[in-house]
Amino acid sequence: MAAAYLSVSKTTFRDRWHRRTYPQPIRDGKRLLWSRVQLDRFVSAQFGIANDDSDGDETWADLK
C-alpha cells in the first residue's frame, strides 16, 4: 500500500527502502507498516514543501 501511495512499483519501493532512501517502517509482528503522515512528510521534504501540520494530529510528531 505504501508503494501505491507513492505511485511507485513494489520493487522500486523495496529497493529504495533497503537503500534507506525511503522512510523506515514500524514492525508489527511480521508486518511492516508505514504511516501516511510519515510518507507525506517524506514527499514534502523531497519537493521542498513546508509541512503544515495544522490538522492537530500531534501523535506523529516523533516521525520528523
PDB file of N, CA and C in Angstrom:
ATOM      1  N   MET A   1       0.822  -1.193   0.000  1.00  0.00           N
ATOM      2  CA  MET A   1       0.000   0.000   0.000  1.00  0.00           C
ATOM      3  C   MET A   1       0.862   1.252   0.000  1.00  0.00           C
ATOM      4  N   ALA A   2       1.992   1.211   0.701  1.00  0.00           N
ATOM      5  CA  ALA A   2       2.870   2.384   0.733  1.00  0.00           C
ATOM      6  C   ALA A   2       3.435   2.667  -0.658  1.00  0.00           C
ATOM      7  N   ALA A   3       3.780   1.631  -1.398  1.00  0.00           N
ATOM      8  CA  ALA A   3       4.281   1.810  -2.768  1.00  0.00           C
ATOM      9  C   ALA A   3       3.216   2.468  -3.641  1.00  0.00           C
ATOM     10  N   ALA A   4       2.005   1.983  -3.538  1.00  0.00           N
ATOM     11  CA  ALA A   4       0.908   2.562  -4.324  1.00  0.00           C
ATOM     12  C   ALA A   4       0.667   4.012  -3.918  1.00  0.00           C
ATOM     13  N   TYR A   5       0.760   4.305  -2.629  1.00  0.00           N
ATOM     14  CA  TYR A   5       0.554   5.668  -2.145  1.00  0.00           C
ATOM     15  C   TYR A   5       1.579   6.631  -2.744  1.00  0.00           C
ATOM     16  N   LEU A   6       2.818   6.144  -2.932  1.00  0.00           N
ATOM     17  CA  LEU A   6       3.873   6.967  -3.521  1.00  0.00           C
ATOM     18  C   LEU A   6       3.923   6.841  -5.039  1.00  0.00           C
ATOM     19  N   SER A   7       3.029   6.041  -5.601  1.00  0.00           N
ATOM     20  CA  SER A   7       2.937   5.839  -7.054  1.00  0.00           C
ATOM     21  C   SER A   7       4.211   5.253  -7.651  1.00  0.00           C
ATOM     22  N   VAL A   8       4.779   4.265  -6.948  1.00  0.00           N
ATOM     23  CA  VAL A   8       5.928   3.535  -7.471  1.00  0.00           C
ATOM     24  C   VAL A   8       5.625   2.045  -7.392  1.00  0.00           C
ATOM     25  N   SER A   9       6.391   1.250  -8.122  1.00  0.00           N
ATOM     26  CA  SER A   9       6.184  -0.198  -8.081  1.00  0.00           C
ATOM     27  C   SER A   9       6.649  -0.758  -6.736  1.00  0.00           C
ATOM     28  N   LYS A  10       6.185  -1.943  -6.406  1.00  0.00           N
ATOM     29  CA  LYS A  10       6.621  -2.594  -5.167  1.00  0.00           C
ATOM     30  C   LYS A  10       8.123  -2.828  -5.183  1.00  0.00           C
ATOM     31  N   THR A  11       8.657  -3.198  -6.345  1.00  0.00           N
ATOM     32  CA  THR A  11      10.095  -3.442  -6.472  1.00  0.00           C
ATOM     33  C   THR A  11      10.887  -2.170  -6.222  1.00  0.00           C
ATOM     34  N   THR A  12      10.464  -1.075  -6.818  1.00  0.00           N
ATOM     35  CA  THR A  12      11.133   0.209  -6.610  1.00  0.00           C
ATOM     36  C   THR A  12      11.047   0.623  -5.153  1.00  0.00           C
ATOM     37  N   PHE A  13       9.872   0.469  -4.554  1.00  0.00           N
ATOM     38  CA  PHE A  13       9.703   0.839  -3.152  1.00  0.00           C
ATOM     39  C   PHE A  13      10.642   0.025  -2.269  1.00  0.00           C
ATOM     40  N   ARG A  14      10.671  -1.305  -2.470  1.00  0.00           N
ATOM     41  CA  ARG A  14      11.544  -2.165  -1.659  1.00  0.00           C
ATOM     42  C   ARG A  14      13.007  -1.779  -1.828  1.00  0.00           C
ATOM     43  N   ASP A  15      13.419  -1.525  -3.065  1.00  0.00           N
ATOM     44  CA  ASP A  15      14.806  -1.167  -3.331  1.00  0.00           C
ATOM     45  C   ASP A  15      15.177   0.129  -2.612  1.00  0.00           C
ATOM     46  N   ARG A  16      14.338   1.137  -2.731  1.00  0.00           N
ATOM     47  CA  ARG A  16      14.628   2.422  -2.098  1.00  0.00           C
ATOM     48  C   ARG A  16      14.529   2.346  -0.577  1.00  0.00           C
ATOM     49  N   TRP A  17      13.652   1.483  -0.079  1.00  0.00           N
ATOM     50  CA  TRP A  17      13.547   1.291   1.370  1.00  0.00           C
ATOM     51  C   TRP A  17      14.823   0.627   1.891  1.00  0.00           C
ATOM     52  N   HIS A  18      15.291  -0.404   1.186  1.00  0.00           N
ATOM     53  CA  HIS A  18      16.518  -1.096   1.616  1.00  0.00           C
ATOM     54  C   HIS A  18      17.737  -0.185   1.535  1.00  0.00           C
ATOM     55  N   ARG A  19      17.756   0.735   0.576  1.00  0.00           N
ATOM     56  CA  ARG A  19      18.868   1.683   0.461  1.00  0.00           C
ATOM     57  C   ARG A  19      18.700   2.860   1.422  1.00  0.00           C
ATOM     58  N   ARG A  20      17.614   2.841   2.211  1.00  0.00           N
ATOM     59  CA  ARG A  20      17.293   3.876   3.193  1.00  0.00           C
ATOM     60  C   ARG A  20      17.003   5.227   2.551  1.00  0.00           C
ATOM     61  N   THR A  21      16.548   5.208   1.305  1.00  0.00           N
ATOM     62  CA  THR A  21      16.110   6.423   0.626  1.00  0.00           C
ATOM     63  C   THR A  21      14.717   6.796   1.107  1.00  0.00           C
ATOM     64  N   TYR A  22      13.913   5.774   1.378  1.00  0.00           N
ATOM     65  CA  TYR A  22      12.545   5.983   1.856  1.00  0.00           C
ATOM     66  C   TYR A  22      12.500   5.819   3.367  1.00  0.00           C
ATOM     67  N   PRO A  23      11.466   6.359   4.008  1.00  0.00           N
ATOM     68  CA  PRO A  23      11.336   6.219   5.466  1.00  0.00           C
ATOM     69  C   PRO A  23      11.321   4.752   5.891  1.00  0.00           C
ATOM     70  N   GLN A  24      11.805   4.517   7.078  1.00  0.00           N
ATOM     71  CA  GLN A  24      11.827   3.164   7.607  1.00  0.00           C
ATOM     72  C   GLN A  24      10.489   2.828   8.267  1.00  0.00           C
ATOM     73  N   PRO A  25      10.094   1.563   8.190  1.00  0.00           N
ATOM     74  CA  PRO A  25       8.792   1.158   8.718  1.00  0.00           C
ATOM     75  C   PRO A  25       8.822   0.885  10.216  1.00  0.00           C
ATOM     76  N   ILE A  26       7.642   0.653  10.732  1.00  0.00           N
ATOM     77  CA  ILE A  26       7.459   0.162  12.096  1.00  0.00           C
ATOM     78  C   ILE A  26       7.026  -1.286  11.951  1.00  0.00           C
ATOM     79  N   ARG A  27       7.638  -2.174  12.704  1.00  0.00           N
ATOM     80  CA  ARG A  27       7.322  -3.604  12.615  1.00  0.00           C
ATOM     81  C   ARG A  27       6.181  -3.937  13.562  1.00  0.00           C
ATOM     82  N   ASP A  28       5.214  -4.667  13.039  1.00  0.00           N
ATOM     83  CA  ASP A  28       4.085  -5.170  13.826  1.00  0.00           C
ATOM     84  C   ASP A  28       4.034  -6.669  13.588  1.00  0.00           C
ATOM     85  N   GLY A  29       4.761  -7.411  14.423  1.00  0.00           N
ATOM     86  CA  GLY A  29       4.895  -8.840  14.179  1.00  0.00           C
ATOM     87  C   GLY A  29       5.697  -9.040  12.905  1.00  0.00           C
ATOM     88  N   LYS A  30       5.121  -9.724  11.928  1.00  0.00           N
ATOM     89  CA  LYS A  30       5.785  -9.951  10.649  1.00  0.00           C
ATOM     90  C   LYS A  30       5.490  -8.839   9.647  1.00  0.00           C
ATOM     91  N   ARG A  31       4.553  -7.974   9.983  1.00  0.00           N
ATOM     92  CA  ARG A  31       4.154  -6.903   9.053  1.00  0.00           C
ATOM     93  C   ARG A  31       5.035  -5.681   9.216  1.00  0.00           C
ATOM     94  N   LEU A  32       5.265  -4.987   8.121  1.00  0.00           N
ATOM     95  CA  LEU A  32       5.961  -3.712   8.133  1.00  0.00           C
ATOM     96  C   LEU A  32       4.941  -2.639   7.794  1.00  0.00           C
ATOM     97  N   LEU A  33       4.910  -1.581   8.603  1.00  0.00           N
ATOM     98  CA  LEU A  33       3.900  -0.541   8.432  1.00  0.00           C
ATOM     99  C   LEU A  33       4.548   0.822   8.259  1.00  0.00           C
ATOM    100  N   TRP A  34       3.999   1.604   7.337  1.00  0.00           N
ATOM    101  CA  TRP A  34       4.398   2.991   7.133  1.00  0.00           C
ATOM    102  C   TRP A  34       3.172   3.848   7.391  1.00  0.00           C
ATOM    103  N   SER A  35       3.324   4.913   8.153  1.00  0.00           N
ATOM    104  CA  SER A  35       2.194   5.806   8.387  1.00  0.00           C
ATOM    105  C   SER A  35       2.042   6.754   7.205  1.00  0.00           C
ATOM    106  N   ARG A  36       0.827   7.129   6.901  1.00  0.00           N
ATOM    107  CA  ARG A  36       0.549   8.079   5.831  1.00  0.00           C
ATOM    108  C   ARG A  36       1.225   9.410   6.127  1.00  0.00           C
ATOM    109  N   VAL A  37       1.202   9.828   7.371  1.00  0.00           N
ATOM    110  CA  VAL A  37       1.819  11.090   7.771  1.00  0.00           C
ATOM    111  C   VAL A  37       3.325  11.040   7.511  1.00  0.00           C
ATOM    112  N   GLN A  38       3.938   9.935   7.840  1.00  0.00           N
ATOM    113  CA  GLN A  38       5.371   9.754   7.611  1.00  0.00           C
ATOM    114  C   GLN A  38       5.689   9.864   6.117  1.00  0.00           C
ATOM    115  N   LEU A  39       4.895   9.235   5.276  1.00  0.00           N
ATOM    116  CA  LEU A  39       5.108   9.292   3.833  1.00  0.00           C
ATOM    117  C   LEU A  39       4.849  10.693   3.291  1.00  0.00           C
ATOM    118  N   ASP A  40       3.814  11.359   3.808  1.00  0.00           N
ATOM    119  CA  ASP A  40       3.531  12.737   3.384  1.00  0.00           C
ATOM    120  C   ASP A  40       4.698  13.665   3.712  1.00  0.00           C
ATOM    121  N   ARG A  41       5.261  13.512   4.892  1.00  0.00           N
ATOM    122  CA  ARG A  41       6.400  14.347   5.289  1.00  0.00           C
ATOM    123  C   ARG A  41       7.608  14.072   4.407  1.00  0.00           C
ATOM    124  N   PHE A  42       7.816  12.817   4.051  1.00  0.00           N
ATOM    125  CA  PHE A  42       8.917  12.455   3.167  1.00  0.00           C
ATOM    126  C   PHE A  42       8.753  13.138   1.814  1.00  0.00           C
ATOM    127  N   VAL A  43       7.564  13.061   1.231  1.00  0.00           N
ATOM    128  CA  VAL A  43       7.305  13.676  -0.073  1.00  0.00           C
ATOM    129  C   VAL A  43       7.469  15.190   0.023  1.00  0.00           C
ATOM    130  N   SER A  44       6.952  15.795   1.070  1.00  0.00           N
ATOM    131  CA  SER A  44       7.089  17.241   1.256  1.00  0.00           C
ATOM    132  C   SER A  44       8.560  17.644   1.301  1.00  0.00           C
ATOM    133  N   ALA A  45       9.360  16.878   2.023  1.00  0.00           N
ATOM    134  CA  ALA A  45      10.785  17.178   2.126  1.00  0.00           C
ATOM    135  C   ALA A  45      11.471  17.027   0.776  1.00  0.00           C
ATOM    136  N   GLN A  46      11.097  16.035  -0.002  1.00  0.00           N
ATOM    137  CA  GLN A  46      11.713  15.820  -1.311  1.00  0.00           C
ATOM    138  C   GLN A  46      11.449  16.982  -2.261  1.00  0.00           C
ATOM    139  N   PHE A  47      10.279  17.587  -2.150  1.00  0.00           N
ATOM    140  CA  PHE A  47       9.914  18.692  -3.024  1.00  0.00           C
ATOM    141  C   PHE A  47      10.149  20.054  -2.391  1.00  0.00           C
ATOM    142  N   GLY A  48      10.684  20.074  -1.170  1.00  0.00           N
ATOM    143  CA  GLY A  48      10.955  21.339  -0.504  1.00  0.00           C
ATOM    144  C   GLY A  48       9.702  22.090  -0.114  1.00  0.00           C
ATOM    145  N   ILE A  49       8.651  21.358   0.177  1.00  0.00           N
ATOM    146  CA  ILE A  49       7.372  21.957   0.555  1.00  0.00           C
ATOM    147  C   ILE A  49       7.309  22.058   2.074  1.00  0.00           C
ATOM    148  N   ALA A  50       6.952  23.231   2.572  1.00  0.00           N
ATOM    149  CA  ALA A  50       6.786  23.396   4.019  1.00  0.00           C
ATOM    150  C   ALA A  50       5.659  22.481   4.470  1.00  0.00           C
ATOM    151  N   ASN A  51       5.890  21.778   5.555  1.00  0.00           N
ATOM    152  CA  ASN A  51       4.907  20.833   6.058  1.00  0.00           C
ATOM    153  C   ASN A  51       3.957  21.536   7.014  1.00  0.00           C
ATOM    154  N   ASP A  52       2.683  21.561   6.686  1.00  0.00           N
ATOM    155  CA  ASP A  52       1.660  22.193   7.516  1.00  0.00           C
ATOM    156  C   ASP A  52       0.944  21.122   8.313  1.00  0.00           C
ATOM    157  N   ASP A  53       1.251  21.043   9.607  1.00  0.00           N
ATOM    158  CA  ASP A  53       0.614  20.050  10.477  1.00  0.00           C
ATOM    159  C   ASP A  53      -0.563  20.663  11.216  1.00  0.00           C
ATOM    160  N   SER A  54      -1.336  21.483  10.535  1.00  0.00           N
ATOM    161  CA  SER A  54      -2.429  22.200  11.180  1.00  0.00           C
ATOM    162  C   SER A  54      -3.652  21.329  11.453  1.00  0.00           C
ATOM    163  N   ASP A  55      -3.588  20.037  11.108  1.00  0.00           N
ATOM    164  CA  ASP A  55      -4.737  19.167  11.358  1.00  0.00           C
ATOM    165  C   ASP A  55      -4.862  18.789  12.825  1.00  0.00           C
ATOM    166  N   GLY A  56      -3.875  19.200  13.652  1.00  0.00           N
ATOM    167  CA  GLY A  56      -3.955  18.961  15.085  1.00  0.00           C
ATOM    168  C   GLY A  56      -3.506  17.577  15.511  1.00  0.00           C
ATOM    169  N   ASP A  57      -3.054  16.737  14.604  1.00  0.00           N
ATOM    170  CA  ASP A  57      -2.619  15.388  14.947  1.00  0.00           C
ATOM    171  C   ASP A  57      -1.178  15.431  15.429  1.00  0.00           C
ATOM    172  N   GLU A  58      -0.998  15.459  16.725  1.00  0.00           N
ATOM    173  CA  GLU A  58       0.336  15.519  17.299  1.00  0.00           C
ATOM    174  C   GLU A  58       0.904  14.137  17.586  1.00  0.00           C
ATOM    175  N   THR A  59       0.180  13.078  17.300  1.00  0.00           N
ATOM    176  CA  THR A  59       0.635  11.734  17.622  1.00  0.00           C
ATOM    177  C   THR A  59       1.808  11.294  16.740  1.00  0.00           C
ATOM    178  N   TRP A  60       2.043  11.981  15.618  1.00  0.00           N
ATOM    179  CA  TRP A  60       3.109  11.598  14.695  1.00  0.00           C
ATOM    180  C   TRP A  60       4.304  12.541  14.796  1.00  0.00           C
ATOM    181  N   ALA A  61       4.344  13.388  15.812  1.00  0.00           N
ATOM    182  CA  ALA A  61       5.413  14.381  15.950  1.00  0.00           C
ATOM    183  C   ALA A  61       6.796  13.742  15.993  1.00  0.00           C
ATOM    184  N   ASP A  62       6.897  12.524  16.466  1.00  0.00           N
ATOM    185  CA  ASP A  62       8.198  11.872  16.571  1.00  0.00           C
ATOM    186  C   ASP A  62       8.684  11.305  15.239  1.00  0.00           C
ATOM    187  N   LEU A  63       7.927  11.435  14.173  1.00  0.00           N
ATOM    188  CA  LEU A  63       8.331  10.891  12.881  1.00  0.00           C
ATOM    189  C   LEU A  63       9.080  11.893  12.026  1.00  0.00           C
ATOM    190  N   LYS A  64       9.413  13.054  12.549  1.00  0.00           N
ATOM    191  CA  LYS A  64      10.105  14.085  11.767  1.00  0.00           C
ATOM    192  C   LYS A  64      11.427  13.620  11.256  1.00  0.00           C
TER     193      LYS A  64
END
